[in-house]
C-alpha cells in the first residue's frame, strides 16, 4: 500500500469526529421559529381598536390583501373599539405570543393612556412586541375667518390679549387632537378653553358655524373648507408641511420651534412573539405601505404612510410615551 493511500484514509477518519459534531450541533440548534412552527398555518386575527369606517380601519383593510399574499393565510379584521383602544389591546396583551393575534393601536392606547387612565389593563411598554407603524395623522390648527388673526403668531397674540377666553375645539378628551391642542397651549404660553366634540368632523363644523373660534382637526374634516376660505389654516401640527396644504406652514416654522404633534397607529403582537415572526409580519406590512396605489389611497384619507422597522416603532412608542406623559401631567388631563 502506498504512503499516499494511507494518508488519504487517515485524513478521512480524522474528519469524521468533526462531521459528527457539526451534525449534532445542527440538530440541537433552535430552528427559525416561524419555519419551525410552519407559521402561519391558519388565519391570523388583526384586532383593530377602532370602529369600522374610520381611517385606521380603512388602512388596515387596504393592506390585509397584501398580507394575505405574503403570509399565505387570510388576515381577519376584528374591530374591538372602546376605552380609547384599551379594550382591543387588552385582548391582544392576553393572547398567546404565537403570531396569530395582532393588534392595531394608536397613540392613545400605546403611548398616552398610561398617563390618562388610573387603571390600565396592560402595560404598553412591556406587554407588546412592536411590529411596525402604519401611518401618521397630521392635524391642522384652524379658525373662523371672523377672528382678527391670520397667522399663528397673530393668533397667539390674540389669545394672550383675551386672557384665557378663547376656546378651541378638538375631537374628544384624551384624543391626539386634544393633546395636540394642550401642547400648543404649553409651547405658546397661552391659556385656551378646550371644548371636546365626538370626533374631528363635529369639531370642524362647530368652527364653521362660529360656535367655537378655533379647533385642532384632521385633514378630511377641514381640507375642502380651508381651500374654500371658510376656515383659516394657521399651521399644520406635523414636523413637515403637507402635500395637500403646501402653503400652510408647520407650527414649528410659524414660531413654535420644535412643535410636532400627530396622531398615529401601528401593529403590535403580544410580548414573547418570536422575532422571526415579527420580522416576517413587518416585511409584509412594509411592502404594502410602499405600494404607490396604497400610498395615494391613504393620503386621500388624510393619513401619511409610515413604514419602518420593529425597532424604530419600539423607540417611537417609548419617545411618545414620555412626551405625552409630560404634556398630560402639565395640563392635568385625566380620563375617568
C-alpha atoms as a PDB file:
ATOM      1  CA  UNK A   1       0.000   0.000   0.000  1.00  0.00           C
ATOM      2  CA  UNK A   2       1.373   3.421  -0.956  1.00  0.00           C
ATOM      3  CA  UNK A   3       2.053   6.196   1.527  1.00  0.00           C
ATOM      4  CA  UNK A   4      -0.396   8.331  -0.499  1.00  0.00           C
ATOM      5  CA  UNK A   5      -3.404   5.994   0.078  1.00  0.00           C
ATOM      6  CA  UNK A   6      -2.519   5.600   3.797  1.00  0.00           C
ATOM      7  CA  UNK A   7      -2.535   9.393   4.316  1.00  0.00           C
ATOM      8  CA  UNK A   8      -5.829   9.763   2.401  1.00  0.00           C
ATOM      9  CA  UNK A   9      -7.511   7.097   4.570  1.00  0.00           C
ATOM     10  CA  UNK A  10      -6.176   8.708   7.749  1.00  0.00           C
ATOM     11  CA  UNK A  11      -7.438  12.122   6.661  1.00  0.00           C
ATOM     12  CA  UNK A  12     -10.944  10.732   6.050  1.00  0.00           C
ATOM     13  CA  UNK A  13     -11.026   9.172   9.525  1.00  0.00           C
ATOM     14  CA  UNK A  14      -9.749  12.398  11.091  1.00  0.00           C
ATOM     15  CA  UNK A  15     -12.643  14.329   9.581  1.00  0.00           C
ATOM     16  CA  UNK A  16     -15.331  12.005  10.946  1.00  0.00           C
ATOM     17  CA  UNK A  17     -15.475  13.415  14.540  1.00  0.00           C
ATOM     18  CA  UNK A  18     -15.775  16.983  13.235  1.00  0.00           C
ATOM     19  CA  UNK A  19     -18.536  15.994  10.818  1.00  0.00           C
ATOM     20  CA  UNK A  20     -20.360  14.122  13.586  1.00  0.00           C
ATOM     21  CA  UNK A  21     -20.130  17.105  15.959  1.00  0.00           C
ATOM     22  CA  UNK A  22     -21.385  19.500  13.270  1.00  0.00           C
ATOM     23  CA  UNK A  23     -24.370  17.275  12.557  1.00  0.00           C
ATOM     24  CA  UNK A  24     -25.215  17.053  16.268  1.00  0.00           C
ATOM     25  CA  UNK A  25     -24.954  20.827  16.667  1.00  0.00           C
ATOM     26  CA  UNK A  26     -27.242  21.402  13.689  1.00  0.00           C
ATOM     27  CA  UNK A  27     -29.803  19.014  15.133  1.00  0.00           C
ATOM     28  CA  UNK A  28     -29.752  20.731  18.517  1.00  0.00           C
ATOM     29  CA  UNK A  29     -29.686  24.356  17.280  1.00  0.00           C
ATOM     30  CA  UNK A  30     -33.027  26.195  17.510  1.00  0.00           C
ATOM     31  CA  UNK A  31     -34.650  26.498  14.120  1.00  0.00           C
ATOM     32  CA  UNK A  32     -36.152  29.708  12.774  1.00  0.00           C
ATOM     33  CA  UNK A  33     -39.294  29.962  14.964  1.00  0.00           C
ATOM     34  CA  UNK A  34     -41.581  30.913  12.093  1.00  0.00           C
ATOM     35  CA  UNK A  35     -40.383  27.979   9.987  1.00  0.00           C
ATOM     36  CA  UNK A  36     -40.280  25.587  12.905  1.00  0.00           C
ATOM     37  CA  UNK A  37     -43.938  26.251  13.632  1.00  0.00           C
ATOM     38  CA  UNK A  38     -44.877  26.325   9.956  1.00  0.00           C
ATOM     39  CA  UNK A  39     -46.085  29.870  10.546  1.00  0.00           C
ATOM     40  CA  UNK A  40     -48.672  30.671   9.556  1.00  0.00           C
ATOM     41  CA  UNK A  41     -50.706  27.524   9.093  1.00  0.00           C
ATOM     42  CA  UNK A  42     -54.067  29.095   9.961  1.00  0.00           C
ATOM     43  CA  UNK A  43     -55.761  32.541   9.705  1.00  0.00           C
ATOM     44  CA  UNK A  44     -54.261  35.489  11.592  1.00  0.00           C
ATOM     45  CA  UNK A  45     -56.585  37.739  13.613  1.00  0.00           C
ATOM     46  CA  UNK A  46     -55.985  41.505  13.439  1.00  0.00           C
ATOM     47  CA  UNK A  47     -57.732  43.236  16.365  1.00  0.00           C
ATOM     48  CA  UNK A  48     -58.461  46.824  15.302  1.00  0.00           C
ATOM     49  CA  UNK A  49     -59.179  49.165  18.207  1.00  0.00           C
ATOM     50  CA  UNK A  50     -61.378  51.421  16.061  1.00  0.00           C
ATOM     51  CA  UNK A  51     -64.912  51.006  14.701  1.00  0.00           C
ATOM     52  CA  UNK A  52     -65.448  50.116  11.049  1.00  0.00           C
ATOM     53  CA  UNK A  53     -65.381  53.003   8.583  1.00  0.00           C
ATOM     54  CA  UNK A  54     -62.672  55.155  10.155  1.00  0.00           C
ATOM     55  CA  UNK A  55     -59.310  55.946   8.593  1.00  0.00           C
ATOM     56  CA  UNK A  56     -57.389  53.385  10.678  1.00  0.00           C
ATOM     57  CA  UNK A  57     -59.871  50.637   9.835  1.00  0.00           C
ATOM     58  CA  UNK A  58     -59.703  51.624   6.152  1.00  0.00           C
ATOM     59  CA  UNK A  59     -55.896  51.470   6.111  1.00  0.00           C
ATOM     60  CA  UNK A  60     -55.882  48.031   7.732  1.00  0.00           C
ATOM     61  CA  UNK A  61     -58.339  46.761   5.133  1.00  0.00           C
ATOM     62  CA  UNK A  62     -56.131  48.210   2.372  1.00  0.00           C
ATOM     63  CA  UNK A  63     -53.056  46.299   3.484  1.00  0.00           C
ATOM     64  CA  UNK A  64     -54.635  42.997   4.531  1.00  0.00           C
ATOM     65  CA  UNK A  65     -54.958  41.667   0.946  1.00  0.00           C
ATOM     66  CA  UNK A  66     -51.190  42.149   0.557  1.00  0.00           C
ATOM     67  CA  UNK A  67     -50.579  40.456   3.905  1.00  0.00           C
ATOM     68  CA  UNK A  68     -52.771  37.567   2.803  1.00  0.00           C
ATOM     69  CA  UNK A  69     -50.476  37.111  -0.191  1.00  0.00           C
ATOM     70  CA  UNK A  70     -47.210  37.411   1.729  1.00  0.00           C
ATOM     71  CA  UNK A  71     -48.320  35.128   4.582  1.00  0.00           C
ATOM     72  CA  UNK A  72     -50.260  32.624   2.508  1.00  0.00           C
ATOM     73  CA  UNK A  73     -53.104  32.733   5.034  1.00  0.00           C
ATOM     74  CA  UNK A  74     -56.050  35.123   5.453  1.00  0.00           C
ATOM     75  CA  UNK A  75     -55.753  38.044   7.891  1.00  0.00           C
ATOM     76  CA  UNK A  76     -59.159  38.502   9.545  1.00  0.00           C
ATOM     77  CA  UNK A  77     -60.030  42.003  10.798  1.00  0.00           C
ATOM     78  CA  UNK A  78     -61.751  42.048  14.208  1.00  0.00           C
ATOM     79  CA  UNK A  79     -62.987  45.519  15.250  1.00  0.00           C
ATOM     80  CA  UNK A  80     -62.904  45.970  19.040  1.00  0.00           C
ATOM     81  CA  UNK A  81     -63.227  49.681  19.892  1.00  0.00           C
ATOM     82  CA  UNK A  82     -63.682  51.095  23.371  1.00  0.00           C
ATOM     83  CA  UNK A  83     -61.903  52.941  26.211  1.00  0.00           C
ATOM     84  CA  UNK A  84     -59.515  54.738  23.886  1.00  0.00           C
ATOM     85  CA  UNK A  85     -58.187  51.467  22.484  1.00  0.00           C
ATOM     86  CA  UNK A  86     -57.737  49.763  25.844  1.00  0.00           C
ATOM     87  CA  UNK A  87     -60.451  47.159  25.188  1.00  0.00           C
ATOM     88  CA  UNK A  88     -58.954  45.771  21.994  1.00  0.00           C
ATOM     89  CA  UNK A  89     -55.330  45.925  23.044  1.00  0.00           C
ATOM     90  CA  UNK A  90     -56.237  44.376  26.386  1.00  0.00           C
ATOM     91  CA  UNK A  91     -57.356  41.313  24.441  1.00  0.00           C
ATOM     92  CA  UNK A  92     -54.135  41.262  22.425  1.00  0.00           C
ATOM     93  CA  UNK A  93     -51.978  41.548  25.549  1.00  0.00           C
ATOM     94  CA  UNK A  94     -53.583  38.391  26.956  1.00  0.00           C
ATOM     95  CA  UNK A  95     -53.275  36.372  23.719  1.00  0.00           C
ATOM     96  CA  UNK A  96     -50.505  33.798  23.142  1.00  0.00           C
ATOM     97  CA  UNK A  97     -47.343  35.191  21.553  1.00  0.00           C
ATOM     98  CA  UNK A  98     -47.556  32.954  18.528  1.00  0.00           C
ATOM     99  CA  UNK A  99     -48.217  35.489  15.770  1.00  0.00           C
ATOM    100  CA  UNK A 100     -51.877  34.558  15.304  1.00  0.00           C
ATOM    101  CA  UNK A 101     -53.313  37.522  17.228  1.00  0.00           C
ATOM    102  CA  UNK A 102     -52.179  41.037  16.339  1.00  0.00           C
ATOM    103  CA  UNK A 103     -53.434  44.449  17.401  1.00  0.00           C
ATOM    104  CA  UNK A 104     -53.735  47.809  15.715  1.00  0.00           C
ATOM    105  CA  UNK A 105     -53.395  50.548  18.314  1.00  0.00           C
ATOM    106  CA  UNK A 106     -52.958  54.292  18.201  1.00  0.00           C
ATOM    107  CA  UNK A 107     -51.004  56.959  20.044  1.00  0.00           C
ATOM    108  CA  UNK A 108     -53.614  56.892  22.801  1.00  0.00           C
ATOM    109  CA  UNK A 109     -53.536  53.249  23.831  1.00  0.00           C
ATOM    110  CA  UNK A 110     -49.858  52.706  23.048  1.00  0.00           C
ATOM    111  CA  UNK A 111     -48.436  55.944  24.477  1.00  0.00           C
ATOM    112  CA  UNK A 112     -50.814  58.381  26.200  1.00  0.00           C
ATOM    113  CA  UNK A 113     -53.373  56.228  28.004  1.00  0.00           C
ATOM    114  CA  UNK A 114     -50.912  55.046  30.636  1.00  0.00           C
ATOM    115  CA  UNK A 115     -50.833  58.678  31.840  1.00  0.00           C
ATOM    116  CA  UNK A 116     -54.549  59.348  31.267  1.00  0.00           C
ATOM    117  CA  UNK A 117     -56.158  56.315  32.898  1.00  0.00           C
ATOM    118  CA  UNK A 118     -55.750  55.361  36.535  1.00  0.00           C
ATOM    119  CA  UNK A 119     -56.389  51.690  35.740  1.00  0.00           C
ATOM    120  CA  UNK A 120     -54.826  50.170  32.625  1.00  0.00           C
ATOM    121  CA  UNK A 121     -55.481  46.562  31.511  1.00  0.00           C
ATOM    122  CA  UNK A 122     -51.944  46.268  30.133  1.00  0.00           C
ATOM    123  CA  UNK A 123     -48.506  47.882  30.159  1.00  0.00           C
ATOM    124  CA  UNK A 124     -47.921  49.218  26.631  1.00  0.00           C
ATOM    125  CA  UNK A 125     -44.148  49.170  27.066  1.00  0.00           C
ATOM    126  CA  UNK A 126     -43.930  45.591  28.395  1.00  0.00           C
ATOM    127  CA  UNK A 127     -46.904  43.620  27.126  1.00  0.00           C
ATOM    128  CA  UNK A 128     -46.376  44.010  23.383  1.00  0.00           C
ATOM    129  CA  UNK A 129     -43.828  43.273  20.682  1.00  0.00           C
ATOM    130  CA  UNK A 130     -43.987  46.238  18.261  1.00  0.00           C
ATOM    131  CA  UNK A 131     -44.340  45.003  14.686  1.00  0.00           C
ATOM    132  CA  UNK A 132     -44.442  48.221  12.700  1.00  0.00           C
ATOM    133  CA  UNK A 133     -46.016  51.630  12.395  1.00  0.00           C
ATOM    134  CA  UNK A 134     -48.712  52.025   9.762  1.00  0.00           C
ATOM    135  CA  UNK A 135     -49.497  55.726   9.463  1.00  0.00           C
ATOM    136  CA  UNK A 136     -49.210  59.197  10.934  1.00  0.00           C
ATOM    137  CA  UNK A 137     -52.233  61.513  11.108  1.00  0.00           C
ATOM    138  CA  UNK A 138     -51.325  65.194  10.866  1.00  0.00           C
ATOM    139  CA  UNK A 139     -53.712  67.824  12.193  1.00  0.00           C
ATOM    140  CA  UNK A 140     -54.415  71.454  11.336  1.00  0.00           C
ATOM    141  CA  UNK A 141     -54.988  74.370  13.706  1.00  0.00           C
ATOM    142  CA  UNK A 142     -57.930  76.191  12.138  1.00  0.00           C
ATOM    143  CA  UNK A 143     -60.054  79.185  12.991  1.00  0.00           C
ATOM    144  CA  UNK A 144     -63.178  81.017  11.898  1.00  0.00           C
ATOM    145  CA  UNK A 145     -62.496  83.796   9.349  1.00  0.00           C
ATOM    146  CA  UNK A 146     -64.047  86.371  11.701  1.00  0.00           C
ATOM    147  CA  UNK A 147     -61.072  86.060  14.073  1.00  0.00           C
ATOM    148  CA  UNK A 148     -58.720  89.023  13.973  1.00  0.00           C
ATOM    149  CA  UNK A 149     -55.718  86.828  13.269  1.00  0.00           C
ATOM    150  CA  UNK A 150     -54.288  85.493  10.028  1.00  0.00           C
ATOM    151  CA  UNK A 151     -51.036  83.921  11.205  1.00  0.00           C
ATOM    152  CA  UNK A 152     -50.151  81.678  14.113  1.00  0.00           C
ATOM    153  CA  UNK A 153     -48.211  84.465  15.811  1.00  0.00           C
ATOM    154  CA  UNK A 154     -51.208  86.798  15.482  1.00  0.00           C
ATOM    155  CA  UNK A 155     -53.398  84.063  16.944  1.00  0.00           C
ATOM    156  CA  UNK A 156     -51.044  83.624  19.904  1.00  0.00           C
ATOM    157  CA  UNK A 157     -51.044  87.387  20.499  1.00  0.00           C
ATOM    158  CA  UNK A 158     -54.860  87.409  20.364  1.00  0.00           C
ATOM    159  CA  UNK A 159     -55.046  84.564  22.876  1.00  0.00           C
ATOM    160  CA  UNK A 160     -52.802  86.467  25.271  1.00  0.00           C
ATOM    161  CA  UNK A 161     -54.918  89.622  24.952  1.00  0.00           C
ATOM    162  CA  UNK A 162     -58.143  87.733  25.648  1.00  0.00           C
ATOM    163  CA  UNK A 163     -56.720  86.233  28.859  1.00  0.00           C
ATOM    164  CA  UNK A 164     -57.995  82.685  28.509  1.00  0.00           C
ATOM    165  CA  UNK A 165     -61.387  83.451  26.985  1.00  0.00           C
ATOM    166  CA  UNK A 166     -60.602  81.947  23.580  1.00  0.00           C
ATOM    167  CA  UNK A 167     -61.984  78.440  23.037  1.00  0.00           C
ATOM    168  CA  UNK A 168     -60.513  75.610  20.983  1.00  0.00           C
ATOM    169  CA  UNK A 169     -62.459  72.551  19.849  1.00  0.00           C
ATOM    170  CA  UNK A 170     -60.966  69.089  19.455  1.00  0.00           C
ATOM    171  CA  UNK A 171     -62.062  65.539  18.731  1.00  0.00           C
ATOM    172  CA  UNK A 172     -62.609  64.385  22.306  1.00  0.00           C
ATOM    173  CA  UNK A 173     -60.905  64.285  25.686  1.00  0.00           C
ATOM    174  CA  UNK A 174     -57.690  62.295  25.619  1.00  0.00           C
ATOM    175  CA  UNK A 175     -57.528  62.115  21.821  1.00  0.00           C
ATOM    176  CA  UNK A 176     -54.401  63.055  19.882  1.00  0.00           C
ATOM    177  CA  UNK A 177     -56.193  66.249  18.795  1.00  0.00           C
ATOM    178  CA  UNK A 178     -56.817  67.169  22.441  1.00  0.00           C
ATOM    179  CA  UNK A 179     -53.194  66.537  23.363  1.00  0.00           C
ATOM    180  CA  UNK A 180     -52.001  68.488  20.313  1.00  0.00           C
ATOM    181  CA  UNK A 181     -54.063  71.459  21.500  1.00  0.00           C
ATOM    182  CA  UNK A 182     -52.620  71.118  25.012  1.00  0.00           C
ATOM    183  CA  UNK A 183     -49.068  71.053  23.633  1.00  0.00           C
ATOM    184  CA  UNK A 184     -49.880  74.156  21.564  1.00  0.00           C
ATOM    185  CA  UNK A 185     -51.012  75.977  24.723  1.00  0.00           C
ATOM    186  CA  UNK A 186     -47.914  74.943  26.655  1.00  0.00           C
ATOM    187  CA  UNK A 187     -45.384  75.820  23.981  1.00  0.00           C
ATOM    188  CA  UNK A 188     -47.110  79.120  23.098  1.00  0.00           C
ATOM    189  CA  UNK A 189     -47.536  80.004  26.784  1.00  0.00           C
ATOM    190  CA  UNK A 190     -51.231  80.771  26.336  1.00  0.00           C
ATOM    191  CA  UNK A 191     -54.445  79.645  28.002  1.00  0.00           C
ATOM    192  CA  UNK A 192     -57.321  78.337  25.896  1.00  0.00           C
ATOM    193  CA  UNK A 193     -60.660  76.793  26.855  1.00  0.00           C
ATOM    194  CA  UNK A 194     -60.848  73.251  25.482  1.00  0.00           C
ATOM    195  CA  UNK A 195     -64.176  72.127  24.032  1.00  0.00           C
ATOM    196  CA  UNK A 196     -64.437  68.375  23.323  1.00  0.00           C
ATOM    197  CA  UNK A 197     -66.541  67.013  20.470  1.00  0.00           C
ATOM    198  CA  UNK A 198     -67.224  63.463  19.336  1.00  0.00           C
ATOM    199  CA  UNK A 199     -64.677  63.423  16.548  1.00  0.00           C
ATOM    200  CA  UNK A 200     -62.888  65.749  14.186  1.00  0.00           C
ATOM    201  CA  UNK A 201     -65.905  66.329  11.912  1.00  0.00           C
ATOM    202  CA  UNK A 202     -68.176  67.793  14.610  1.00  0.00           C
ATOM    203  CA  UNK A 203     -65.306  69.961  15.896  1.00  0.00           C
ATOM    204  CA  UNK A 204     -64.741  71.422  12.421  1.00  0.00           C
ATOM    205  CA  UNK A 205     -68.486  72.015  11.973  1.00  0.00           C
ATOM    206  CA  UNK A 206     -68.566  73.922  15.269  1.00  0.00           C
ATOM    207  CA  UNK A 207     -65.936  76.334  13.942  1.00  0.00           C
ATOM    208  CA  UNK A 208     -67.715  76.664  10.578  1.00  0.00           C
ATOM    209  CA  UNK A 209     -70.866  77.643  12.476  1.00  0.00           C
ATOM    210  CA  UNK A 210     -68.802  80.076  14.587  1.00  0.00           C
ATOM    211  CA  UNK A 211     -69.888  78.303  17.753  1.00  0.00           C
ATOM    212  CA  UNK A 212     -66.206  77.893  18.686  1.00  0.00           C
ATOM    213  CA  UNK A 213     -63.488  80.129  17.195  1.00  0.00           C
ATOM    214  CA  UNK A 214     -60.671  77.553  16.965  1.00  0.00           C
ATOM    215  CA  UNK A 215     -60.102  73.838  16.535  1.00  0.00           C
ATOM    216  CA  UNK A 216     -57.462  71.185  16.052  1.00  0.00           C
ATOM    217  CA  UNK A 217     -58.852  68.862  13.382  1.00  0.00           C
ATOM    218  CA  UNK A 218     -57.698  66.368  10.797  1.00  0.00           C
ATOM    219  CA  UNK A 219     -57.478  66.886   7.041  1.00  0.00           C
ATOM    220  CA  UNK A 220     -60.654  65.039   5.975  1.00  0.00           C
ATOM    221  CA  UNK A 221     -62.714  67.313   8.232  1.00  0.00           C
ATOM    222  CA  UNK A 222     -61.079  70.565   7.136  1.00  0.00           C
ATOM    223  CA  UNK A 223     -59.315  70.403   3.765  1.00  0.00           C
ATOM    224  CA  UNK A 224     -62.169  71.453   1.482  1.00  0.00           C
ATOM    225  CA  UNK A 225     -63.309  74.184   3.863  1.00  0.00           C
ATOM    226  CA  UNK A 226     -59.770  75.554   4.061  1.00  0.00           C
ATOM    227  CA  UNK A 227     -59.482  75.637   0.273  1.00  0.00           C
ATOM    228  CA  UNK A 228     -62.882  77.350   0.046  1.00  0.00           C
ATOM    229  CA  UNK A 229     -61.775  80.042   2.512  1.00  0.00           C
ATOM    230  CA  UNK A 230     -64.379  79.041   5.091  1.00  0.00           C
ATOM    231  CA  UNK A 231     -61.684  78.069   7.607  1.00  0.00           C
ATOM    232  CA  UNK A 232     -58.372  79.784   8.249  1.00  0.00           C
ATOM    233  CA  UNK A 233     -55.472  77.329   8.487  1.00  0.00           C
ATOM    234  CA  UNK A 234     -52.886  78.718  10.902  1.00  0.00           C
ATOM    235  CA  UNK A 235     -50.484  75.780  10.907  1.00  0.00           C
ATOM    236  CA  UNK A 236     -50.173  72.049  10.479  1.00  0.00           C
ATOM    237  CA  UNK A 237     -49.104  70.122  13.548  1.00  0.00           C
ATOM    238  CA  UNK A 238     -46.617  67.781  11.852  1.00  0.00           C
ATOM    239  CA  UNK A 239     -42.876  68.388  11.559  1.00  0.00           C
ATOM    240  CA  UNK A 240     -43.139  68.665   7.756  1.00  0.00           C
ATOM    241  CA  UNK A 241     -45.550  70.535   5.518  1.00  0.00           C
ATOM    242  CA  UNK A 242     -48.322  68.507   3.961  1.00  0.00           C
ATOM    243  CA  UNK A 243     -48.599  67.856   0.211  1.00  0.00           C
ATOM    244  CA  UNK A 244     -52.332  68.614   0.404  1.00  0.00           C
ATOM    245  CA  UNK A 245     -51.667  72.039   2.030  1.00  0.00           C
ATOM    246  CA  UNK A 246     -48.261  73.087   0.695  1.00  0.00           C
ATOM    247  CA  UNK A 247     -48.746  76.766   1.537  1.00  0.00           C
ATOM    248  CA  UNK A 248     -49.667  76.200   5.185  1.00  0.00           C
ATOM    249  CA  UNK A 249     -46.605  76.354   7.468  1.00  0.00           C
ATOM    250  CA  UNK A 250     -45.825  73.902  10.212  1.00  0.00           C
ATOM    251  CA  UNK A 251     -46.319  75.189  13.744  1.00  0.00           C
ATOM    252  CA  UNK A 252     -42.551  74.937  14.166  1.00  0.00           C
ATOM    253  CA  UNK A 253     -41.984  77.142  11.113  1.00  0.00           C
ATOM    254  CA  UNK A 254     -44.623  79.575  12.363  1.00  0.00           C
ATOM    255  CA  UNK A 255     -42.760  80.278  15.592  1.00  0.00           C
ATOM    256  CA  UNK A 256     -43.185  77.269  17.905  1.00  0.00           C
ATOM    257  CA  UNK A 257     -39.759  75.772  17.317  1.00  0.00           C
ATOM    258  CA  UNK A 258     -39.787  72.001  17.735  1.00  0.00           C
ATOM    259  CA  UNK A 259     -43.559  71.603  17.862  1.00  0.00           C
ATOM    260  CA  UNK A 260     -44.518  68.202  16.458  1.00  0.00           C
ATOM    261  CA  UNK A 261     -47.812  66.523  17.310  1.00  0.00           C
ATOM    262  CA  UNK A 262     -49.519  63.905  15.182  1.00  0.00           C
ATOM    263  CA  UNK A 263     -51.841  61.026  15.662  1.00  0.00           C
ATOM    264  CA  UNK A 264     -50.546  57.626  14.585  1.00  0.00           C
ATOM    265  CA  UNK A 265     -51.326  53.941  14.657  1.00  0.00           C
ATOM    266  CA  UNK A 266     -49.421  50.730  14.169  1.00  0.00           C
ATOM    267  CA  UNK A 267     -49.368  46.971  14.612  1.00  0.00           C
ATOM    268  CA  UNK A 268     -48.263  45.155  17.758  1.00  0.00           C
ATOM    269  CA  UNK A 269     -48.127  41.494  18.768  1.00  0.00           C
ATOM    270  CA  UNK A 270     -48.251  40.007  22.279  1.00  0.00           C
ATOM    271  CA  UNK A 271     -44.961  40.080  24.175  1.00  0.00           C
ATOM    272  CA  UNK A 272     -42.909  36.980  23.562  1.00  0.00           C
ATOM    273  CA  UNK A 273     -43.802  36.646  19.891  1.00  0.00           C
ATOM    274  CA  UNK A 274     -40.712  35.145  18.182  1.00  0.00           C
ATOM    275  CA  UNK A 275     -38.549  37.794  16.443  1.00  0.00           C
ATOM    276  CA  UNK A 276     -38.652  35.822  13.177  1.00  0.00           C
ATOM    277  CA  UNK A 277     -42.446  36.087  13.089  1.00  0.00           C
ATOM    278  CA  UNK A 278     -42.315  39.802  13.926  1.00  0.00           C
ATOM    279  CA  UNK A 279     -39.780  40.330  11.130  1.00  0.00           C
ATOM    280  CA  UNK A 280     -41.916  38.455   8.633  1.00  0.00           C
ATOM    281  CA  UNK A 281     -45.037  40.437   9.546  1.00  0.00           C
ATOM    282  CA  UNK A 282     -43.114  43.710   9.363  1.00  0.00           C
ATOM    283  CA  UNK A 283     -41.820  42.836   5.896  1.00  0.00           C
ATOM    284  CA  UNK A 284     -45.345  42.176   4.632  1.00  0.00           C
ATOM    285  CA  UNK A 285     -46.657  45.419   6.121  1.00  0.00           C
ATOM    286  CA  UNK A 286     -43.735  47.426   4.765  1.00  0.00           C
ATOM    287  CA  UNK A 287     -44.205  46.028   1.281  1.00  0.00           C
ATOM    288  CA  UNK A 288     -47.873  47.047   1.321  1.00  0.00           C
ATOM    289  CA  UNK A 289     -47.173  50.549   2.651  1.00  0.00           C
ATOM    290  CA  UNK A 290     -44.638  51.213  -0.108  1.00  0.00           C
ATOM    291  CA  UNK A 291     -47.142  50.415  -2.849  1.00  0.00           C
ATOM    292  CA  UNK A 292     -47.880  53.700  -4.732  1.00  0.00           C
ATOM    293  CA  UNK A 293     -51.596  52.926  -5.059  1.00  0.00           C
ATOM    294  CA  UNK A 294     -51.959  52.274  -1.332  1.00  0.00           C
ATOM    295  CA  UNK A 295     -49.956  55.410  -0.525  1.00  0.00           C
ATOM    296  CA  UNK A 296     -52.253  57.523  -2.714  1.00  0.00           C
ATOM    297  CA  UNK A 297     -55.363  55.977  -1.166  1.00  0.00           C
ATOM    298  CA  UNK A 298     -54.012  56.614   2.347  1.00  0.00           C
ATOM    299  CA  UNK A 299     -53.222  60.251   1.609  1.00  0.00           C
ATOM    300  CA  UNK A 300     -56.725  60.703   0.248  1.00  0.00           C
ATOM    301  CA  UNK A 301     -57.877  59.675   3.735  1.00  0.00           C
ATOM    302  CA  UNK A 302     -55.653  62.311   5.317  1.00  0.00           C
ATOM    303  CA  UNK A 303     -53.023  59.921   6.682  1.00  0.00           C
ATOM    304  CA  UNK A 304     -49.354  59.580   5.799  1.00  0.00           C
ATOM    305  CA  UNK A 305     -47.817  56.113   5.262  1.00  0.00           C
ATOM    306  CA  UNK A 306     -45.128  55.463   7.878  1.00  0.00           C
ATOM    307  CA  UNK A 307     -43.294  52.188   7.201  1.00  0.00           C
ATOM    308  CA  UNK A 308     -40.386  51.307   9.476  1.00  0.00           C
ATOM    309  CA  UNK A 309     -38.671  48.526  11.373  1.00  0.00           C
ATOM    310  CA  UNK A 310     -39.912  46.967  14.627  1.00  0.00           C
ATOM    311  CA  UNK A 311     -37.026  48.634  16.492  1.00  0.00           C
ATOM    312  CA  UNK A 312     -37.921  52.039  15.075  1.00  0.00           C
ATOM    313  CA  UNK A 313     -41.541  51.597  16.126  1.00  0.00           C
ATOM    314  CA  UNK A 314     -40.482  50.471  19.599  1.00  0.00           C
ATOM    315  CA  UNK A 315     -38.283  53.539  20.066  1.00  0.00           C
ATOM    316  CA  UNK A 316     -41.066  55.804  18.802  1.00  0.00           C
ATOM    317  CA  UNK A 317     -43.568  54.354  21.285  1.00  0.00           C
ATOM    318  CA  UNK A 318     -41.134  54.996  24.149  1.00  0.00           C
ATOM    319  CA  UNK A 319     -40.459  58.562  22.956  1.00  0.00           C
ATOM    320  CA  UNK A 320     -44.164  59.335  22.545  1.00  0.00           C
ATOM    321  CA  UNK A 321     -44.965  57.867  25.970  1.00  0.00           C
ATOM    322  CA  UNK A 322     -42.502  60.220  27.654  1.00  0.00           C
ATOM    323  CA  UNK A 323     -43.590  63.224  25.589  1.00  0.00           C
ATOM    324  CA  UNK A 324     -47.331  62.900  26.094  1.00  0.00           C
ATOM    325  CA  UNK A 325     -46.914  61.919  29.719  1.00  0.00           C
ATOM    326  CA  UNK A 326     -45.255  65.281  30.366  1.00  0.00           C
ATOM    327  CA  UNK A 327     -47.968  67.166  28.443  1.00  0.00           C
ATOM    328  CA  UNK A 328     -50.759  65.335  30.288  1.00  0.00           C
ATOM    329  CA  UNK A 329     -49.244  65.976  33.713  1.00  0.00           C
ATOM    330  CA  UNK A 330     -48.602  69.654  32.943  1.00  0.00           C
ATOM    331  CA  UNK A 331     -52.178  70.143  31.703  1.00  0.00           C
ATOM    332  CA  UNK A 332     -53.630  67.962  34.487  1.00  0.00           C
ATOM    333  CA  UNK A 333     -55.659  65.963  31.967  1.00  0.00           C
ATOM    334  CA  UNK A 334     -57.492  62.951  33.376  1.00  0.00           C
ATOM    335  CA  UNK A 335     -59.906  60.372  31.957  1.00  0.00           C
ATOM    336  CA  UNK A 336     -62.297  58.752  34.437  1.00  0.00           C
END
